[in-house]
């Protein structure tokens, strides 16, 4: 069963958006090299400080989640998150 991950969070005030994007995109590129899962990055319409990472069709959830944790730490992505908030991870499967 393929799983799809939707991870949303608010970024800190005062961050350079280009630098923040580069950090997340770098993390996603490293994650793709390790797992074969390509990530996408979105920002909420009319609310640029809310971001969502999307990872679709994950075949090996346990190893993907481990690699994701390691790459988040390595690329210091948690430092982008607004203090007092968190990265919210939702996992969905397709209805068939």
PDB file of N, CA and C in Angstrom:
ATOM      1  N   UNK A   1       0.841  -1.169   0.000  1.00  0.00           N
ATOM      2  CA  UNK A   1       0.000   0.000   0.000  1.00  0.00           C
ATOM      3  C   UNK A   1       0.897   1.247   0.000  1.00  0.00           C
ATOM      4  N   UNK A   2       0.696   2.095  -0.984  1.00  0.00           N
ATOM      5  CA  UNK A   2       1.487   3.318  -1.087  1.00  0.00           C
ATOM      6  C   UNK A   2       0.939   4.383  -0.146  1.00  0.00           C
ATOM      7  N   UNK A   3       1.843   5.089   0.488  1.00  0.00           N
ATOM      8  CA  UNK A   3       1.451   6.160   1.407  1.00  0.00           C
ATOM      9  C   UNK A   3       1.879   7.505   0.834  1.00  0.00           C
ATOM     10  N   UNK A   4       1.118   8.519   1.182  1.00  0.00           N
ATOM     11  CA  UNK A   4       1.378   9.885   0.739  1.00  0.00           C
ATOM     12  C   UNK A   4       1.486  10.771   1.973  1.00  0.00           C
ATOM     13  N   UNK A   5       2.561  11.538   2.039  1.00  0.00           N
ATOM     14  CA  UNK A   5       2.844  12.369   3.209  1.00  0.00           C
ATOM     15  C   UNK A   5       2.620  13.840   2.879  1.00  0.00           C
ATOM     16  N   UNK A   6       1.931  14.514   3.788  1.00  0.00           N
ATOM     17  CA  UNK A   6       1.678  15.947   3.691  1.00  0.00           C
ATOM     18  C   UNK A   6       2.171  16.554   5.001  1.00  0.00           C
ATOM     19  N   UNK A   7       3.171  17.407   4.903  1.00  0.00           N
ATOM     20  CA  UNK A   7       3.817  17.965   6.090  1.00  0.00           C
ATOM     21  C   UNK A   7       3.708  19.480   6.002  1.00  0.00           C
ATOM     22  N   UNK A   8       2.995  20.072   6.946  1.00  0.00           N
ATOM     23  CA  UNK A   8       2.794  21.517   6.882  1.00  0.00           C
ATOM     24  C   UNK A   8       3.295  22.188   8.153  1.00  0.00           C
ATOM     25  N   UNK A   9       3.684  23.456   7.982  1.00  0.00           N
ATOM     26  CA  UNK A   9       4.249  24.216   9.094  1.00  0.00           C
ATOM     27  C   UNK A   9       4.317  25.685   8.711  1.00  0.00           C
ATOM     28  N   UNK A  10       4.488  26.509   9.730  1.00  0.00           N
ATOM     29  CA  UNK A  10       4.693  27.950   9.521  1.00  0.00           C
ATOM     30  C   UNK A  10       6.173  28.238   9.694  1.00  0.00           C
ATOM     31  N   UNK A  11       6.706  29.073   8.798  1.00  0.00           N
ATOM     32  CA  UNK A  11       8.113  29.430   8.914  1.00  0.00           C
ATOM     33  C   UNK A  11       8.252  30.670   9.788  1.00  0.00           C
ATOM     34  N   UNK A  12       9.440  30.800  10.369  1.00  0.00           N
ATOM     35  CA  UNK A  12       9.748  31.922  11.265  1.00  0.00           C
ATOM     36  C   UNK A  12       9.656  33.248  10.530  1.00  0.00           C
ATOM     37  N   UNK A  13       9.294  34.266  11.267  1.00  0.00           N
ATOM     38  CA  UNK A  13       9.318  35.632  10.743  1.00  0.00           C
ATOM     39  C   UNK A  13      10.758  36.049  10.496  1.00  0.00           C
ATOM     40  N   UNK A  14      10.962  36.856   9.485  1.00  0.00           N
ATOM     41  CA  UNK A  14      12.274  37.434   9.239  1.00  0.00           C
ATOM     42  C   UNK A  14      13.230  36.560   8.449  1.00  0.00           C
ATOM     43  N   UNK A  15      12.796  35.378   8.038  1.00  0.00           N
ATOM     44  CA  UNK A  15      13.670  34.525   7.230  1.00  0.00           C
ATOM     45  C   UNK A  15      13.732  35.050   5.803  1.00  0.00           C
ATOM     46  N   UNK A  16      14.878  34.893   5.176  1.00  0.00           N
ATOM     47  CA  UNK A  16      14.981  35.185   3.752  1.00  0.00           C
ATOM     48  C   UNK A  16      14.292  34.037   3.015  1.00  0.00           C
ATOM     49  N   UNK A  17      13.227  34.319   2.271  1.00  0.00           N
ATOM     50  CA  UNK A  17      12.480  33.236   1.620  1.00  0.00           C
ATOM     51  C   UNK A  17      13.334  32.393   0.675  1.00  0.00           C
ATOM     52  N   UNK A  18      14.251  33.026  -0.036  1.00  0.00           N
ATOM     53  CA  UNK A  18      15.102  32.273  -0.963  1.00  0.00           C
ATOM     54  C   UNK A  18      16.014  31.306  -0.215  1.00  0.00           C
ATOM     55  N   UNK A  19      16.587  31.761   0.891  1.00  0.00           N
ATOM     56  CA  UNK A  19      17.443  30.881   1.696  1.00  0.00           C
ATOM     57  C   UNK A  19      16.639  29.728   2.297  1.00  0.00           C
ATOM     58  N   UNK A  20      15.441  30.046   2.789  1.00  0.00           N
ATOM     59  CA  UNK A  20      14.592  29.012   3.387  1.00  0.00           C
ATOM     60  C   UNK A  20      14.175  27.983   2.334  1.00  0.00           C
ATOM     61  N   UNK A  21      13.769  28.467   1.155  1.00  0.00           N
ATOM     62  CA  UNK A  21      13.414  27.545   0.070  1.00  0.00           C
ATOM     63  C   UNK A  21      14.592  26.646  -0.278  1.00  0.00           C
ATOM     64  N   UNK A  22      15.775  27.246  -0.372  1.00  0.00           N
ATOM     65  CA  UNK A  22      16.974  26.482  -0.726  1.00  0.00           C
ATOM     66  C   UNK A  22      17.254  25.392   0.309  1.00  0.00           C
ATOM     67  N   UNK A  23      17.040  25.688   1.582  1.00  0.00           N
ATOM     68  CA  UNK A  23      17.261  24.681   2.631  1.00  0.00           C
ATOM     69  C   UNK A  23      16.318  23.497   2.465  1.00  0.00           C
ATOM     70  N   UNK A  24      15.036  23.789   2.270  1.00  0.00           N
ATOM     71  CA  UNK A  24      14.055  22.710   2.133  1.00  0.00           C
ATOM     72  C   UNK A  24      14.288  21.941   0.839  1.00  0.00           C
ATOM     73  N   UNK A  25      14.525  22.657  -0.254  1.00  0.00           N
ATOM     74  CA  UNK A  25      14.747  21.984  -1.538  1.00  0.00           C
ATOM     75  C   UNK A  25      16.018  21.129  -1.489  1.00  0.00           C
ATOM     76  N   UNK A  26      17.051  21.589  -0.796  1.00  0.00           N
ATOM     77  CA  UNK A  26      18.258  20.788  -0.627  1.00  0.00           C
ATOM     78  C   UNK A  26      17.985  19.525   0.157  1.00  0.00           C
ATOM     79  N   UNK A  27      17.176  19.649   1.210  1.00  0.00           N
ATOM     80  CA  UNK A  27      16.790  18.484   2.002  1.00  0.00           C
ATOM     81  C   UNK A  27      15.997  17.512   1.142  1.00  0.00           C
ATOM     82  N   UNK A  28      15.069  18.031   0.344  1.00  0.00           N
ATOM     83  CA  UNK A  28      14.255  17.164  -0.500  1.00  0.00           C
ATOM     84  C   UNK A  28      15.097  16.451  -1.562  1.00  0.00           C
ATOM     85  N   UNK A  29      16.079  17.138  -2.115  1.00  0.00           N
ATOM     86  CA  UNK A  29      16.955  16.514  -3.115  1.00  0.00           C
ATOM     87  C   UNK A  29      17.754  15.372  -2.487  1.00  0.00           C
ATOM     88  N   UNK A  30      18.274  15.599  -1.293  1.00  0.00           N
ATOM     89  CA  UNK A  30      19.021  14.545  -0.595  1.00  0.00           C
ATOM     90  C   UNK A  30      18.106  13.369  -0.259  1.00  0.00           C
ATOM     91  N   UNK A  31      16.891  13.669   0.162  1.00  0.00           N
ATOM     92  CA  UNK A  31      15.922  12.621   0.485  1.00  0.00           C
ATOM     93  C   UNK A  31      15.580  11.804  -0.763  1.00  0.00           C
ATOM     94  N   UNK A  32      15.425  12.480  -1.894  1.00  0.00           N
ATOM     95  CA  UNK A  32      15.131  11.765  -3.138  1.00  0.00           C
ATOM     96  C   UNK A  32      16.286  10.845  -3.538  1.00  0.00           C
ATOM     97  N   UNK A  33      17.506  11.320  -3.377  1.00  0.00           N
ATOM     98  CA  UNK A  33      18.668  10.475  -3.694  1.00  0.00           C
ATOM     99  C   UNK A  33      18.680   9.215  -2.829  1.00  0.00           C
ATOM    100  N   UNK A  34      18.280   9.355  -1.579  1.00  0.00           N
ATOM    101  CA  UNK A  34      18.302   8.212  -0.650  1.00  0.00           C
ATOM    102  C   UNK A  34      17.125   7.265  -0.836  1.00  0.00           C
ATOM    103  N   UNK A  35      15.952   7.813  -1.147  1.00  0.00           N
ATOM    104  CA  UNK A  35      14.729   7.000  -1.118  1.00  0.00           C
ATOM    105  C   UNK A  35      14.048   6.840  -2.469  1.00  0.00           C
ATOM    106  N   UNK A  36      14.408   7.673  -3.427  1.00  0.00           N
ATOM    107  CA  UNK A  36      13.724   7.661  -4.718  1.00  0.00           C
ATOM    108  C   UNK A  36      12.399   8.401  -4.707  1.00  0.00           C
ATOM    109  N   UNK A  37      12.053   9.017  -3.580  1.00  0.00           N
ATOM    110  CA  UNK A  37      10.786   9.737  -3.450  1.00  0.00           C
ATOM    111  C   UNK A  37      11.043  11.223  -3.671  1.00  0.00           C
ATOM    112  N   UNK A  38      10.381  11.768  -4.672  1.00  0.00           N
ATOM    113  CA  UNK A  38      10.550  13.186  -4.989  1.00  0.00           C
ATOM    114  C   UNK A  38       9.559  14.017  -4.178  1.00  0.00           C
ATOM    115  N   UNK A  39      10.066  15.036  -3.510  1.00  0.00           N
ATOM    116  CA  UNK A  39       9.214  15.920  -2.727  1.00  0.00           C
ATOM    117  C   UNK A  39       8.866  17.176  -3.499  1.00  0.00           C
ATOM    118  N   UNK A  40       7.741  17.753  -3.133  1.00  0.00           N
ATOM    119  CA  UNK A  40       7.333  19.050  -3.680  1.00  0.00           C
ATOM    120  C   UNK A  40       7.102  19.993  -2.506  1.00  0.00           C
ATOM    121  N   UNK A  41       7.265  21.283  -2.764  1.00  0.00           N
ATOM    122  CA  UNK A  41       7.100  22.298  -1.722  1.00  0.00           C
ATOM    123  C   UNK A  41       6.066  23.315  -2.178  1.00  0.00           C
ATOM    124  N   UNK A  42       5.100  23.584  -1.313  1.00  0.00           N
ATOM    125  CA  UNK A  42       4.036  24.539  -1.597  1.00  0.00           C
ATOM    126  C   UNK A  42       3.994  25.592  -0.495  1.00  0.00           C
ATOM    127  N   UNK A  43       3.458  26.753  -0.842  1.00  0.00           N
ATOM    128  CA  UNK A  43       3.106  27.736   0.188  1.00  0.00           C
ATOM    129  C   UNK A  43       1.607  27.994   0.070  1.00  0.00           C
ATOM    130  N   UNK A  44       1.001  28.315   1.196  1.00  0.00           N
ATOM    131  CA  UNK A  44      -0.441  28.554   1.217  1.00  0.00           C
ATOM    132  C   UNK A  44      -0.757  29.813   0.424  1.00  0.00           C
ATOM    133  N   UNK A  45      -1.801  29.740  -0.374  1.00  0.00           N
ATOM    134  CA  UNK A  45      -2.262  30.873  -1.164  1.00  0.00           C
ATOM    135  C   UNK A  45      -2.623  32.029  -0.233  1.00  0.00           C
ATOM    136  N   UNK A  46      -2.055  33.177  -0.495  1.00  0.00           N
ATOM    137  CA  UNK A  46      -2.273  34.403   0.293  1.00  0.00           C
ATOM    138  C   UNK A  46      -1.743  34.305   1.724  1.00  0.00           C
ATOM    139  N   UNK A  47      -0.900  33.331   2.009  1.00  0.00           N
ATOM    140  CA  UNK A  47      -0.296  33.223   3.339  1.00  0.00           C
ATOM    141  C   UNK A  47       1.066  32.551   3.177  1.00  0.00           C
ATOM    142  N   UNK A  48       2.016  33.303   2.679  1.00  0.00           N
ATOM    143  CA  UNK A  48       3.318  32.768   2.283  1.00  0.00           C
ATOM    144  C   UNK A  48       4.095  32.097   3.407  1.00  0.00           C
ATOM    145  N   UNK A  49       3.738  32.344   4.654  1.00  0.00           N
ATOM    146  CA  UNK A  49       4.501  31.791   5.774  1.00  0.00           C
ATOM    147  C   UNK A  49       4.083  30.366   6.129  1.00  0.00           C
ATOM    148  N   UNK A  50       3.030  29.842   5.506  1.00  0.00           N
ATOM    149  CA  UNK A  50       2.625  28.458   5.739  1.00  0.00           C
ATOM    150  C   UNK A  50       3.062  27.624   4.548  1.00  0.00           C
ATOM    151  N   UNK A  51       3.880  26.637   4.833  1.00  0.00           N
ATOM    152  CA  UNK A  51       4.436  25.781   3.786  1.00  0.00           C
ATOM    153  C   UNK A  51       3.947  24.354   3.951  1.00  0.00           C
ATOM    154  N   UNK A  52       3.946  23.630   2.823  1.00  0.00           N
ATOM    155  CA  UNK A  52       3.618  22.211   2.867  1.00  0.00           C
ATOM    156  C   UNK A  52       4.570  21.439   1.955  1.00  0.00           C
ATOM    157  N   UNK A  53       5.152  20.398   2.530  1.00  0.00           N
ATOM    158  CA  UNK A  53       5.945  19.452   1.751  1.00  0.00           C
ATOM    159  C   UNK A  53       5.037  18.268   1.429  1.00  0.00           C
ATOM    160  N   UNK A  54       5.135  17.776   0.196  1.00  0.00           N
ATOM    161  CA  UNK A  54       4.323  16.642  -0.234  1.00  0.00           C
ATOM    162  C   UNK A  54       5.245  15.566  -0.788  1.00  0.00           C
ATOM    163  N   UNK A  55       5.039  14.347  -0.308  1.00  0.00           N
ATOM    164  CA  UNK A  55       5.796  13.178  -0.761  1.00  0.00           C
ATOM    165  C   UNK A  55       4.774  12.101  -1.108  1.00  0.00           C
ATOM    166  N   UNK A  56       4.727  11.711  -2.382  1.00  0.00           N
ATOM    167  CA  UNK A  56       3.689  10.792  -2.836  1.00  0.00           C
ATOM    168  C   UNK A  56       4.255   9.423  -3.202  1.00  0.00           C
ATOM    169  N   UNK A  57       3.379   8.441  -3.106  1.00  0.00           N
ATOM    170  CA  UNK A  57       3.664   7.069  -3.537  1.00  0.00           C
ATOM    171  C   UNK A  57       4.880   6.470  -2.834  1.00  0.00           C
ATOM    172  N   UNK A  58       4.910   6.608  -1.518  1.00  0.00           N
ATOM    173  CA  UNK A  58       6.009   6.065  -0.717  1.00  0.00           C
ATOM    174  C   UNK A  58       5.775   4.568  -0.518  1.00  0.00           C
ATOM    175  N   UNK A  59       6.705   3.764  -1.025  1.00  0.00           N
ATOM    176  CA  UNK A  59       6.576   2.304  -0.964  1.00  0.00           C
ATOM    177  C   UNK A  59       7.102   1.705   0.336  1.00  0.00           C
ATOM    178  N   UNK A  60       8.097   2.340   0.931  1.00  0.00           N
ATOM    179  CA  UNK A  60       8.726   1.815   2.152  1.00  0.00           C
ATOM    180  C   UNK A  60       8.656   2.890   3.240  1.00  0.00           C
ATOM    181  N   UNK A  61       7.499   3.018   3.899  1.00  0.00           N
ATOM    182  CA  UNK A  61       7.297   4.115   4.849  1.00  0.00           C
ATOM    183  C   UNK A  61       8.312   4.176   5.986  1.00  0.00           C
ATOM    184  N   UNK A  62       8.696   3.034   6.549  1.00  0.00           N
ATOM    185  CA  UNK A  62       9.601   3.054   7.697  1.00  0.00           C
ATOM    186  C   UNK A  62      10.958   3.634   7.317  1.00  0.00           C
ATOM    187  N   UNK A  63      11.521   3.159   6.215  1.00  0.00           N
ATOM    188  CA  UNK A  63      12.834   3.679   5.814  1.00  0.00           C
ATOM    189  C   UNK A  63      12.727   5.112   5.308  1.00  0.00           C
ATOM    190  N   UNK A  64      11.607   5.453   4.670  1.00  0.00           N
ATOM    191  CA  UNK A  64      11.402   6.835   4.232  1.00  0.00           C
ATOM    192  C   UNK A  64      11.361   7.774   5.435  1.00  0.00           C
ATOM    193  N   UNK A  65      10.590   7.418   6.452  1.00  0.00           N
ATOM    194  CA  UNK A  65      10.462   8.271   7.633  1.00  0.00           C
ATOM    195  C   UNK A  65      11.799   8.437   8.343  1.00  0.00           C
ATOM    196  N   UNK A  66      12.580   7.374   8.414  1.00  0.00           N
ATOM    197  CA  UNK A  66      13.906   7.468   9.033  1.00  0.00           C
ATOM    198  C   UNK A  66      14.800   8.409   8.232  1.00  0.00           C
ATOM    199  N   UNK A  67      14.816   8.246   6.918  1.00  0.00           N
ATOM    200  CA  UNK A  67      15.630   9.117   6.063  1.00  0.00           C
ATOM    201  C   UNK A  67      15.158  10.563   6.161  1.00  0.00           C
ATOM    202  N   UNK A  68      13.853  10.769   6.226  1.00  0.00           N
ATOM    203  CA  UNK A  68      13.307  12.120   6.359  1.00  0.00           C
ATOM    204  C   UNK A  68      13.791  12.760   7.656  1.00  0.00           C
ATOM    205  N   UNK A  69      13.702  12.041   8.761  1.00  0.00           N
ATOM    206  CA  UNK A  69      14.179  12.580  10.049  1.00  0.00           C
ATOM    207  C   UNK A  69      15.654  12.961   9.961  1.00  0.00           C
ATOM    208  N   UNK A  70      16.450  12.092   9.376  1.00  0.00           N
ATOM    209  CA  UNK A  70      17.889  12.353   9.286  1.00  0.00           C
ATOM    210  C   UNK A  70      18.195  13.552   8.391  1.00  0.00           C
ATOM    211  N   UNK A  71      17.499  13.680   7.277  1.00  0.00           N
ATOM    212  CA  UNK A  71      17.756  14.803   6.371  1.00  0.00           C
ATOM    213  C   UNK A  71      17.239  16.123   6.950  1.00  0.00           C
ATOM    214  N   UNK A  72      16.137  16.078   7.674  1.00  0.00           N
ATOM    215  CA  UNK A  72      15.640  17.287   8.350  1.00  0.00           C
ATOM    216  C   UNK A  72      16.696  17.784   9.327  1.00  0.00           C
ATOM    217  N   UNK A  73      17.265  16.856  10.082  1.00  0.00           N
ATOM    218  CA  UNK A  73      18.302  17.234  11.048  1.00  0.00           C
ATOM    219  C   UNK A  73      19.552  17.744  10.334  1.00  0.00           C
ATOM    220  N   UNK A  74      19.994  17.021   9.322  1.00  0.00           N
ATOM    221  CA  UNK A  74      21.220  17.395   8.604  1.00  0.00           C
ATOM    222  C   UNK A  74      21.097  18.773   7.948  1.00  0.00           C
ATOM    223  N   UNK A  75      19.936  19.065   7.376  1.00  0.00           N
ATOM    224  CA  UNK A  75      19.728  20.338   6.679  1.00  0.00           C
ATOM    225  C   UNK A  75      19.134  21.417   7.587  1.00  0.00           C
ATOM    226  N   UNK A  76      18.945  21.073   8.858  1.00  0.00           N
ATOM    227  CA  UNK A  76      18.478  22.015   9.877  1.00  0.00           C
ATOM    228  C   UNK A  76      17.136  22.664   9.506  1.00  0.00           C
ATOM    229  N   UNK A  77      16.277  21.871   8.907  1.00  0.00           N
ATOM    230  CA  UNK A  77      14.980  22.380   8.469  1.00  0.00           C
ATOM    231  C   UNK A  77      14.121  22.801   9.655  1.00  0.00           C
ATOM    232  N   UNK A  78      14.233  22.118  10.789  1.00  0.00           N
ATOM    233  CA  UNK A  78      13.428  22.498  11.959  1.00  0.00           C
ATOM    234  C   UNK A  78      13.721  23.919  12.430  1.00  0.00           C
ATOM    235  N   UNK A  79      14.896  24.438  12.106  1.00  0.00           N
ATOM    236  CA  UNK A  79      15.233  25.811  12.496  1.00  0.00           C
ATOM    237  C   UNK A  79      14.414  26.841  11.723  1.00  0.00           C
ATOM    238  N   UNK A  80      13.765  26.437  10.645  1.00  0.00           N
ATOM    239  CA  UNK A  80      12.931  27.344   9.856  1.00  0.00           C
ATOM    240  C   UNK A  80      11.543  27.516  10.462  1.00  0.00           C
ATOM    241  N   UNK A  81      11.144  26.577  11.313  1.00  0.00           N
ATOM    242  CA  UNK A  81       9.780  26.532  11.836  1.00  0.00           C
ATOM    243  C   UNK A  81       9.567  27.613  12.889  1.00  0.00           C
ATOM    244  N   UNK A  82       8.424  28.254  12.805  1.00  0.00           N
ATOM    245  CA  UNK A  82       8.049  29.305  13.751  1.00  0.00           C
ATOM    246  C   UNK A  82       8.108  28.766  15.178  1.00  0.00           C
ATOM    247  N   UNK A  83       8.818  29.463  16.080  1.00  0.00           N
ATOM    248  CA  UNK A  83       8.862  29.016  17.479  1.00  0.00           C
ATOM    249  C   UNK A  83       7.449  28.882  18.059  1.00  0.00           C
ATOM    250  N   UNK A  84       7.253  27.844  18.825  1.00  0.00           N
ATOM    251  CA  UNK A  84       5.948  27.585  19.416  1.00  0.00           C
ATOM    252  C   UNK A  84       5.032  26.772  18.513  1.00  0.00           C
ATOM    253  N   UNK A  85       5.480  26.494  17.300  1.00  0.00           N
ATOM    254  CA  UNK A  85       4.694  25.652  16.400  1.00  0.00           C
ATOM    255  C   UNK A  85       5.523  24.419  16.053  1.00  0.00           C
ATOM    256  N   UNK A  86       5.044  23.631  15.125  1.00  0.00           N
ATOM    257  CA  UNK A  86       5.745  22.388  14.782  1.00  0.00           C
ATOM    258  C   UNK A  86       5.436  21.997  13.345  1.00  0.00           C
ATOM    259  N   UNK A  87       6.214  21.053  12.860  1.00  0.00           N
ATOM    260  CA  UNK A  87       5.914  20.420  11.572  1.00  0.00           C
ATOM    261  C   UNK A  87       4.817  19.389  11.833  1.00  0.00           C
ATOM    262  N   UNK A  88       3.715  19.495  11.125  1.00  0.00           N
ATOM    263  CA  UNK A  88       2.595  18.570  11.278  1.00  0.00           C
ATOM    264  C   UNK A  88       2.642  17.572  10.131  1.00  0.00           C
ATOM    265  N   UNK A  89       2.725  16.288  10.463  1.00  0.00           N
ATOM    266  CA  UNK A  89       2.843  15.235   9.456  1.00  0.00           C
ATOM    267  C   UNK A  89       1.518  14.487   9.360  1.00  0.00           C
ATOM    268  N   UNK A  90       0.976  14.443   8.156  1.00  0.00           N
ATOM    269  CA  UNK A  90      -0.239  13.681   7.878  1.00  0.00           C
ATOM    270  C   UNK A  90       0.103  12.649   6.820  1.00  0.00           C
ATOM    271  N   UNK A  91      -0.422  11.446   6.977  1.00  0.00           N
ATOM    272  CA  UNK A  91      -0.155  10.367   6.029  1.00  0.00           C
ATOM    273  C   UNK A  91      -1.497   9.838   5.520  1.00  0.00           C
ATOM    274  N   UNK A  92      -1.647   9.773   4.197  1.00  0.00           N
ATOM    275  CA  UNK A  92      -2.887   9.332   3.579  1.00  0.00           C
ATOM    276  C   UNK A  92      -2.617   8.197   2.606  1.00  0.00           C
ATOM    277  N   UNK A  93      -3.631   7.369   2.408  1.00  0.00           N
ATOM    278  CA  UNK A  93      -3.603   6.363   1.351  1.00  0.00           C
ATOM    279  C   UNK A  93      -4.740   6.692   0.391  1.00  0.00           C
ATOM    280  N   UNK A  94      -4.570   6.260  -0.847  1.00  0.00           N
ATOM    281  CA  UNK A  94      -5.586   6.540  -1.860  1.00  0.00           C
ATOM    282  C   UNK A  94      -6.785   5.623  -1.673  1.00  0.00           C
ATOM    283  N   UNK A  95      -7.980   6.188  -1.820  1.00  0.00           N
ATOM    284  CA  UNK A  95      -9.202   5.384  -1.780  1.00  0.00           C
ATOM    285  C   UNK A  95      -9.333   4.650  -3.111  1.00  0.00           C
ATOM    286  N   UNK A  96      -9.580   3.377  -3.022  1.00  0.00           N
ATOM    287  CA  UNK A  96      -9.741   2.596  -4.264  1.00  0.00           C
ATOM    288  C   UNK A  96     -11.066   1.874  -4.270  1.00  0.00           C
TER     289      UNK A  96
END
